[in-house]
Amino acid sequence: MNIKEIVEKYLKDNGYDGLCNSDFSCGCGLKDGLFPCNEPFSADCVPARSKIATEEDMNDESDFEVGEEIFFPAEDKEA
């Protein structure tokens, strides 16, 4: 088993949707493949939940569109 497989197994076993890094406003999902950034060892990535972005999720710094899947830290409550 490699690092990516270990992380995928942990996320699946614990009911997470993927990973996110709030410092860079990025996230990646299990269904689309983890680590598209090719940085599988980022200590800042945390288990995440996903949702479809709404107008309420948007702000001046948003780099996503309404209707896109977004990721947020699993310990945060959904807006």
PDB file of N, CA and C in Angstrom:
ATOM      1  N   MET A   1       0.841  -1.180   0.000  1.00  0.00           N
ATOM      2  CA  MET A   1       0.000   0.000   0.000  1.00  0.00           C
ATOM      3  C   MET A   1       0.884   1.241   0.000  1.00  0.00           C
ATOM      4  N   ASN A   2       0.542   2.224  -0.836  1.00  0.00           N
ATOM      5  CA  ASN A   2       1.310   3.464  -0.836  1.00  0.00           C
ATOM      6  C   ASN A   2       0.559   4.530  -0.027  1.00  0.00           C
ATOM      7  N   ILE A   3       1.160   5.714   0.102  1.00  0.00           N
ATOM      8  CA  ILE A   3       0.577   6.783   0.923  1.00  0.00           C
ATOM      9  C   ILE A   3      -0.818   7.167   0.428  1.00  0.00           C
ATOM     10  N   LYS A   4      -0.973   7.307  -0.879  1.00  0.00           N
ATOM     11  CA  LYS A   4      -2.277   7.686  -1.433  1.00  0.00           C
ATOM     12  C   LYS A   4      -3.333   6.644  -1.074  1.00  0.00           C
ATOM     13  N   GLU A   5      -3.011   5.382  -1.208  1.00  0.00           N
ATOM     14  CA  GLU A   5      -3.962   4.308  -0.876  1.00  0.00           C
ATOM     15  C   GLU A   5      -4.304   4.296   0.608  1.00  0.00           C
ATOM     16  N   ILE A   6      -3.337   4.575   1.457  1.00  0.00           N
ATOM     17  CA  ILE A   6      -3.578   4.624   2.903  1.00  0.00           C
ATOM     18  C   ILE A   6      -4.530   5.769   3.236  1.00  0.00           C
ATOM     19  N   VAL A   7      -4.278   6.939   2.648  1.00  0.00           N
ATOM     20  CA  VAL A   7      -5.142   8.105   2.892  1.00  0.00           C
ATOM     21  C   VAL A   7      -6.549   7.836   2.366  1.00  0.00           C
ATOM     22  N   GLU A   8      -6.673   7.297   1.148  1.00  0.00           N
ATOM     23  CA  GLU A   8      -7.991   6.981   0.581  1.00  0.00           C
ATOM     24  C   GLU A   8      -8.756   6.021   1.484  1.00  0.00           C
ATOM     25  N   LYS A   9      -8.086   4.985   1.958  1.00  0.00           N
ATOM     26  CA  LYS A   9      -8.742   4.004   2.832  1.00  0.00           C
ATOM     27  C   LYS A   9      -9.228   4.665   4.121  1.00  0.00           C
ATOM     28  N   TYR A  10      -8.385   5.492   4.729  1.00  0.00           N
ATOM     29  CA  TYR A  10      -8.767   6.181   5.960  1.00  0.00           C
ATOM     30  C   TYR A  10     -10.000   7.059   5.723  1.00  0.00           C
ATOM     31  N   LEU A  11      -9.980   7.837   4.667  1.00  0.00           N
ATOM     32  CA  LEU A  11     -11.110   8.730   4.386  1.00  0.00           C
ATOM     33  C   LEU A  11     -12.390   7.939   4.156  1.00  0.00           C
ATOM     34  N   LYS A  12     -12.314   6.890   3.353  1.00  0.00           N
ATOM     35  CA  LYS A  12     -13.497   6.052   3.090  1.00  0.00           C
ATOM     36  C   LYS A  12     -14.005   5.398   4.371  1.00  0.00           C
ATOM     37  N   ASP A  13     -13.097   4.805   5.132  1.00  0.00           N
ATOM     38  CA  ASP A  13     -13.473   4.101   6.369  1.00  0.00           C
ATOM     39  C   ASP A  13     -14.127   5.022   7.397  1.00  0.00           C
ATOM     40  N   ASN A  14     -13.828   6.315   7.316  1.00  0.00           N
ATOM     41  CA  ASN A  14     -14.347   7.262   8.305  1.00  0.00           C
ATOM     42  C   ASN A  14     -15.419   8.195   7.752  1.00  0.00           C
ATOM     43  N   GLY A  15     -15.892   7.922   6.544  1.00  0.00           N
ATOM     44  CA  GLY A  15     -17.020   8.640   5.978  1.00  0.00           C
ATOM     45  C   GLY A  15     -16.730  10.036   5.458  1.00  0.00           C
ATOM     46  N   TYR A  16     -15.485  10.331   5.107  1.00  0.00           N
ATOM     47  CA  TYR A  16     -15.141  11.635   4.558  1.00  0.00           C
ATOM     48  C   TYR A  16     -15.295  11.624   3.046  1.00  0.00           C
ATOM     49  N   ASP A  17     -15.434  12.816   2.457  1.00  0.00           N
ATOM     50  CA  ASP A  17     -15.595  12.956   1.011  1.00  0.00           C
ATOM     51  C   ASP A  17     -14.285  13.233   0.290  1.00  0.00           C
ATOM     52  N   GLY A  18     -13.280  13.695   1.019  1.00  0.00           N
ATOM     53  CA  GLY A  18     -11.995  14.024   0.407  1.00  0.00           C
ATOM     54  C   GLY A  18     -11.120  14.786   1.362  1.00  0.00           C
ATOM     55  N   LEU A  19     -10.305  15.678   0.813  1.00  0.00           N
ATOM     56  CA  LEU A  19      -9.377  16.500   1.588  1.00  0.00           C
ATOM     57  C   LEU A  19      -9.571  17.961   1.227  1.00  0.00           C
ATOM     58  N   CYS A  20      -9.154  18.850   2.115  1.00  0.00           N
ATOM     59  CA  CYS A  20      -9.133  20.278   1.775  1.00  0.00           C
ATOM     60  C   CYS A  20      -8.005  20.950   2.528  1.00  0.00           C
ATOM     61  N   ASN A  21      -7.625  22.096   1.993  1.00  0.00           N
ATOM     62  CA  ASN A  21      -6.592  22.928   2.598  1.00  0.00           C
ATOM     63  C   ASN A  21      -7.132  24.351   2.606  1.00  0.00           C
ATOM     64  N   SER A  22      -7.565  24.815   3.750  1.00  0.00           N
ATOM     65  CA  SER A  22      -8.184  26.140   3.874  1.00  0.00           C
ATOM     66  C   SER A  22      -7.225  27.270   3.535  1.00  0.00           C
ATOM     67  N   ASP A  23      -5.928  27.072   3.750  1.00  0.00           N
ATOM     68  CA  ASP A  23      -4.948  28.119   3.449  1.00  0.00           C
ATOM     69  C   ASP A  23      -4.907  28.444   1.961  1.00  0.00           C
ATOM     70  N   PHE A  24      -5.204  27.451   1.127  1.00  0.00           N
ATOM     71  CA  PHE A  24      -5.140  27.647  -0.314  1.00  0.00           C
ATOM     72  C   PHE A  24      -6.504  27.528  -0.979  1.00  0.00           C
ATOM     73  N   SER A  25      -7.562  27.411  -0.182  1.00  0.00           N
ATOM     74  CA  SER A  25      -8.924  27.277  -0.704  1.00  0.00           C
ATOM     75  C   SER A  25      -9.017  26.178  -1.760  1.00  0.00           C
ATOM     76  N   CYS A  26      -8.425  25.041  -1.456  1.00  0.00           N
ATOM     77  CA  CYS A  26      -8.502  23.942  -2.418  1.00  0.00           C
ATOM     78  C   CYS A  26      -9.059  22.697  -1.739  1.00  0.00           C
ATOM     79  N   GLY A  27      -9.533  21.818  -2.549  1.00  0.00           N
ATOM     80  CA  GLY A  27     -10.053  20.557  -2.056  1.00  0.00           C
ATOM     81  C   GLY A  27     -10.035  19.525  -3.169  1.00  0.00           C
ATOM     82  N   CYS A  28      -9.979  18.271  -2.777  1.00  0.00           N
ATOM     83  CA  CYS A  28     -10.016  17.191  -3.763  1.00  0.00           C
ATOM     84  C   CYS A  28     -10.860  16.067  -3.184  1.00  0.00           C
ATOM     85  N   GLY A  29     -11.584  15.407  -4.048  1.00  0.00           N
ATOM     86  CA  GLY A  29     -12.519  14.385  -3.610  1.00  0.00           C
ATOM     87  C   GLY A  29     -12.072  12.980  -3.928  1.00  0.00           C
ATOM     88  N   LEU A  30     -12.611  12.045  -3.162  1.00  0.00           N
ATOM     89  CA  LEU A  30     -12.327  10.646  -3.399  1.00  0.00           C
ATOM     90  C   LEU A  30     -12.795  10.203  -4.779  1.00  0.00           C
ATOM     91  N   LYS A  31     -13.964  10.667  -5.197  1.00  0.00           N
ATOM     92  CA  LYS A  31     -14.512  10.190  -6.465  1.00  0.00           C
ATOM     93  C   LYS A  31     -13.776  10.732  -7.680  1.00  0.00           C
ATOM     94  N   ASP A  32     -13.070  11.857  -7.531  1.00  0.00           N
ATOM     95  CA  ASP A  32     -12.344  12.442  -8.657  1.00  0.00           C
ATOM     96  C   ASP A  32     -10.846  12.191  -8.587  1.00  0.00           C
ATOM     97  N   GLY A  33     -10.408  11.595  -7.517  1.00  0.00           N
ATOM     98  CA  GLY A  33      -8.984  11.324  -7.345  1.00  0.00           C
ATOM     99  C   GLY A  33      -8.325  12.333  -6.422  1.00  0.00           C
ATOM    100  N   LEU A  34      -7.620  11.824  -5.452  1.00  0.00           N
ATOM    101  CA  LEU A  34      -6.916  12.698  -4.517  1.00  0.00           C
ATOM    102  C   LEU A  34      -5.619  13.206  -5.119  1.00  0.00           C
ATOM    103  N   PHE A  35      -5.149  14.289  -4.577  1.00  0.00           N
ATOM    104  CA  PHE A  35      -3.845  14.865  -4.892  1.00  0.00           C
ATOM    105  C   PHE A  35      -3.669  15.292  -6.350  1.00  0.00           C
ATOM    106  N   PRO A  36      -4.650  15.985  -6.945  1.00  0.00           N
ATOM    107  CA  PRO A  36      -4.422  16.475  -8.304  1.00  0.00           C
ATOM    108  C   PRO A  36      -3.306  17.520  -8.343  1.00  0.00           C
ATOM    109  N   CYS A  37      -2.972  18.071  -7.185  1.00  0.00           N
ATOM    110  CA  CYS A  37      -1.898  19.064  -7.089  1.00  0.00           C
ATOM    111  C   CYS A  37      -0.527  18.400  -7.068  1.00  0.00           C
ATOM    112  N   ASN A  38      -0.509  17.075  -7.036  1.00  0.00           N
ATOM    113  CA  ASN A  38       0.737  16.305  -6.950  1.00  0.00           C
ATOM    114  C   ASN A  38       1.525  16.608  -5.682  1.00  0.00           C
ATOM    115  N   GLU A  39       0.812  16.977  -4.619  1.00  0.00           N
ATOM    116  CA  GLU A  39       1.441  17.248  -3.327  1.00  0.00           C
ATOM    117  C   GLU A  39       0.831  16.326  -2.271  1.00  0.00           C
ATOM    118  N   PRO A  40       1.068  15.014  -2.363  1.00  0.00           N
ATOM    119  CA  PRO A  40       0.404  14.083  -1.442  1.00  0.00           C
ATOM    120  C   PRO A  40       0.873  14.151   0.002  1.00  0.00           C
ATOM    121  N   PHE A  41       1.882  14.932   0.290  1.00  0.00           N
ATOM    122  CA  PHE A  41       2.395  14.952   1.645  1.00  0.00           C
ATOM    123  C   PHE A  41       2.155  16.275   2.357  1.00  0.00           C
ATOM    124  N   SER A  42       1.175  17.057   1.899  1.00  0.00           N
ATOM    125  CA  SER A  42       0.897  18.343   2.523  1.00  0.00           C
ATOM    126  C   SER A  42       0.358  18.136   3.935  1.00  0.00           C
ATOM    127  N   ALA A  43       1.070  18.646   4.905  1.00  0.00           N
ATOM    128  CA  ALA A  43       0.642  18.524   6.299  1.00  0.00           C
ATOM    129  C   ALA A  43      -0.564  19.402   6.601  1.00  0.00           C
ATOM    130  N   ASP A  44      -0.916  20.301   5.689  1.00  0.00           N
ATOM    131  CA  ASP A  44      -2.028  21.210   5.923  1.00  0.00           C
ATOM    132  C   ASP A  44      -3.361  20.684   5.400  1.00  0.00           C
ATOM    133  N   CYS A  45      -3.364  19.608   4.641  1.00  0.00           N
ATOM    134  CA  CYS A  45      -4.613  19.024   4.145  1.00  0.00           C
ATOM    135  C   CYS A  45      -5.298  18.266   5.285  1.00  0.00           C
ATOM    136  N   VAL A  46      -6.618  18.426   5.373  1.00  0.00           N
ATOM    137  CA  VAL A  46      -7.393  17.768   6.428  1.00  0.00           C
ATOM    138  C   VAL A  46      -8.578  17.027   5.808  1.00  0.00           C
ATOM    139  N   PRO A  47      -9.118  16.035   6.512  1.00  0.00           N
ATOM    140  CA  PRO A  47     -10.316  15.357   6.012  1.00  0.00           C
ATOM    141  C   PRO A  47     -11.436  16.365   5.782  1.00  0.00           C
ATOM    142  N   ALA A  48     -12.189  16.139   4.716  1.00  0.00           N
ATOM    143  CA  ALA A  48     -13.195  17.126   4.323  1.00  0.00           C
ATOM    144  C   ALA A  48     -14.535  16.488   3.974  1.00  0.00           C
ATOM    145  N   ARG A  49     -15.549  17.324   4.033  1.00  0.00           N
ATOM    146  CA  ARG A  49     -16.880  17.008   3.535  1.00  0.00           C
ATOM    147  C   ARG A  49     -17.069  17.874   2.295  1.00  0.00           C
ATOM    148  N   SER A  50     -17.998  17.485   1.463  1.00  0.00           N
ATOM    149  CA  SER A  50     -18.260  18.285   0.267  1.00  0.00           C
ATOM    150  C   SER A  50     -19.717  18.710   0.222  1.00  0.00           C
ATOM    151  N   LYS A  51     -19.972  19.728  -0.564  1.00  0.00           N
ATOM    152  CA  LYS A  51     -21.326  20.190  -0.818  1.00  0.00           C
ATOM    153  C   LYS A  51     -21.320  20.964  -2.124  1.00  0.00           C
ATOM    154  N   ILE A  52     -22.495  21.235  -2.631  1.00  0.00           N
ATOM    155  CA  ILE A  52     -22.619  22.038  -3.835  1.00  0.00           C
ATOM    156  C   ILE A  52     -22.678  23.507  -3.416  1.00  0.00           C
ATOM    157  N   ALA A  53     -21.833  24.325  -4.030  1.00  0.00           N
ATOM    158  CA  ALA A  53     -21.732  25.741  -3.676  1.00  0.00           C
ATOM    159  C   ALA A  53     -23.025  26.489  -3.998  1.00  0.00           C
ATOM    160  N   THR A  54     -23.419  27.363  -3.069  1.00  0.00           N
ATOM    161  CA  THR A  54     -24.591  28.222  -3.249  1.00  0.00           C
ATOM    162  C   THR A  54     -24.131  29.678  -3.195  1.00  0.00           C
ATOM    163  N   GLU A  55     -25.040  30.583  -3.445  1.00  0.00           N
ATOM    164  CA  GLU A  55     -24.729  32.021  -3.376  1.00  0.00           C
ATOM    165  C   GLU A  55     -24.158  32.389  -2.006  1.00  0.00           C
ATOM    166  N   GLU A  56     -24.650  31.757  -0.946  1.00  0.00           N
ATOM    167  CA  GLU A  56     -24.194  32.065   0.408  1.00  0.00           C
ATOM    168  C   GLU A  56     -22.728  31.708   0.631  1.00  0.00           C
ATOM    169  N   ASP A  57     -22.199  30.789  -0.181  1.00  0.00           N
ATOM    170  CA  ASP A  57     -20.799  30.380  -0.044  1.00  0.00           C
ATOM    171  C   ASP A  57     -19.841  31.339  -0.744  1.00  0.00           C
ATOM    172  N   MET A  58     -20.363  32.215  -1.569  1.00  0.00           N
ATOM    173  CA  MET A  58     -19.536  33.094  -2.394  1.00  0.00           C
ATOM    174  C   MET A  58     -19.070  34.325  -1.617  1.00  0.00           C
ATOM    175  N   ASN A  59     -17.848  34.763  -1.921  1.00  0.00           N
ATOM    176  CA  ASN A  59     -17.325  36.038  -1.433  1.00  0.00           C
ATOM    177  C   ASN A  59     -16.340  36.568  -2.472  1.00  0.00           C
ATOM    178  N   ASP A  60     -15.711  37.669  -2.198  1.00  0.00           N
ATOM    179  CA  ASP A  60     -14.801  38.293  -3.168  1.00  0.00           C
ATOM    180  C   ASP A  60     -13.599  37.420  -3.505  1.00  0.00           C
ATOM    181  N   GLU A  61     -13.263  36.484  -2.632  1.00  0.00           N
ATOM    182  CA  GLU A  61     -12.087  35.642  -2.843  1.00  0.00           C
ATOM    183  C   GLU A  61     -12.422  34.263  -3.393  1.00  0.00           C
ATOM    184  N   SER A  62     -13.678  33.982  -3.666  1.00  0.00           N
ATOM    185  CA  SER A  62     -14.089  32.660  -4.138  1.00  0.00           C
ATOM    186  C   SER A  62     -13.510  32.367  -5.517  1.00  0.00           C
ATOM    187  N   ASP A  63     -12.945  31.177  -5.644  1.00  0.00           N
ATOM    188  CA  ASP A  63     -12.431  30.757  -6.948  1.00  0.00           C
ATOM    189  C   ASP A  63     -13.251  29.592  -7.493  1.00  0.00           C
ATOM    190  N   PHE A  64     -14.525  29.560  -7.151  1.00  0.00           N
ATOM    191  CA  PHE A  64     -15.455  28.543  -7.625  1.00  0.00           C
ATOM    192  C   PHE A  64     -16.754  29.224  -8.014  1.00  0.00           C
ATOM    193  N   GLU A  65     -17.599  28.496  -8.682  1.00  0.00           N
ATOM    194  CA  GLU A  65     -18.886  29.013  -9.138  1.00  0.00           C
ATOM    195  C   GLU A  65     -20.025  28.332  -8.384  1.00  0.00           C
ATOM    196  N   VAL A  66     -21.159  28.998  -8.305  1.00  0.00           N
ATOM    197  CA  VAL A  66     -22.360  28.391  -7.738  1.00  0.00           C
ATOM    198  C   VAL A  66     -22.649  27.122  -8.535  1.00  0.00           C
ATOM    199  N   GLY A  67     -22.937  26.042  -7.835  1.00  0.00           N
ATOM    200  CA  GLY A  67     -23.235  24.765  -8.477  1.00  0.00           C
ATOM    201  C   GLY A  67     -22.066  23.803  -8.525  1.00  0.00           C
ATOM    202  N   GLU A  68     -20.852  24.303  -8.248  1.00  0.00           N
ATOM    203  CA  GLU A  68     -19.680  23.434  -8.226  1.00  0.00           C
ATOM    204  C   GLU A  68     -19.576  22.728  -6.875  1.00  0.00           C
ATOM    205  N   GLU A  69     -18.925  21.584  -6.871  1.00  0.00           N
ATOM    206  CA  GLU A  69     -18.656  20.881  -5.620  1.00  0.00           C
ATOM    207  C   GLU A  69     -17.505  21.589  -4.916  1.00  0.00           C
ATOM    208  N   ILE A  70     -17.701  21.879  -3.631  1.00  0.00           N
ATOM    209  CA  ILE A  70     -16.650  22.493  -2.831  1.00  0.00           C
ATOM    210  C   ILE A  70     -16.406  21.632  -1.600  1.00  0.00           C
ATOM    211  N   PHE A  71     -15.251  21.780  -1.007  1.00  0.00           N
ATOM    212  CA  PHE A  71     -14.845  20.993   0.154  1.00  0.00           C
ATOM    213  C   PHE A  71     -14.567  21.914   1.326  1.00  0.00           C
ATOM    214  N   PHE A  72     -14.921  21.456   2.524  1.00  0.00           N
ATOM    215  CA  PHE A  72     -14.671  22.207   3.731  1.00  0.00           C
ATOM    216  C   PHE A  72     -14.230  21.250   4.815  1.00  0.00           C
ATOM    217  N   PRO A  73     -13.415  21.711   5.782  1.00  0.00           N
ATOM    218  CA  PRO A  73     -12.920  20.814   6.825  1.00  0.00           C
ATOM    219  C   PRO A  73     -14.073  20.086   7.518  1.00  0.00           C
ATOM    220  N   ALA A  74     -13.904  18.795   7.728  1.00  0.00           N
ATOM    221  CA  ALA A  74     -14.963  17.964   8.291  1.00  0.00           C
ATOM    222  C   ALA A  74     -15.411  18.433   9.664  1.00  0.00           C
ATOM    223  N   GLU A  75     -14.518  19.054  10.433  1.00  0.00           N
ATOM    224  CA  GLU A  75     -14.905  19.501  11.768  1.00  0.00           C
ATOM    225  C   GLU A  75     -15.721  20.781  11.725  1.00  0.00           C
ATOM    226  N   ASP A  76     -15.714  21.511  10.584  1.00  0.00           N
ATOM    227  CA  ASP A  76     -16.552  22.714  10.447  1.00  0.00           C
ATOM    228  C   ASP A  76     -17.999  22.299  10.196  1.00  0.00           C
ATOM    229  N   LYS A  77     -18.910  23.104  10.683  1.00  0.00           N
ATOM    230  CA  LYS A  77     -20.320  22.838  10.408  1.00  0.00           C
ATOM    231  C   LYS A  77     -20.674  23.409   9.061  1.00  0.00           C
ATOM    232  N   GLU A  78     -21.527  22.694   8.328  1.00  0.00           N
ATOM    233  CA  GLU A  78     -21.954  23.160   7.017  1.00  0.00           C
ATOM    234  C   GLU A  78     -22.751  24.447   7.178  1.00  0.00           C
ATOM    235  N   ALA A  79     -22.501  25.404   6.301  1.00  0.00           N
ATOM    236  CA  ALA A  79     -23.166  26.713   6.360  1.00  0.00           C
ATOM    237  C   ALA A  79     -24.650  26.595   6.080  1.00  0.00           C
TER     238      ALA A  79
END
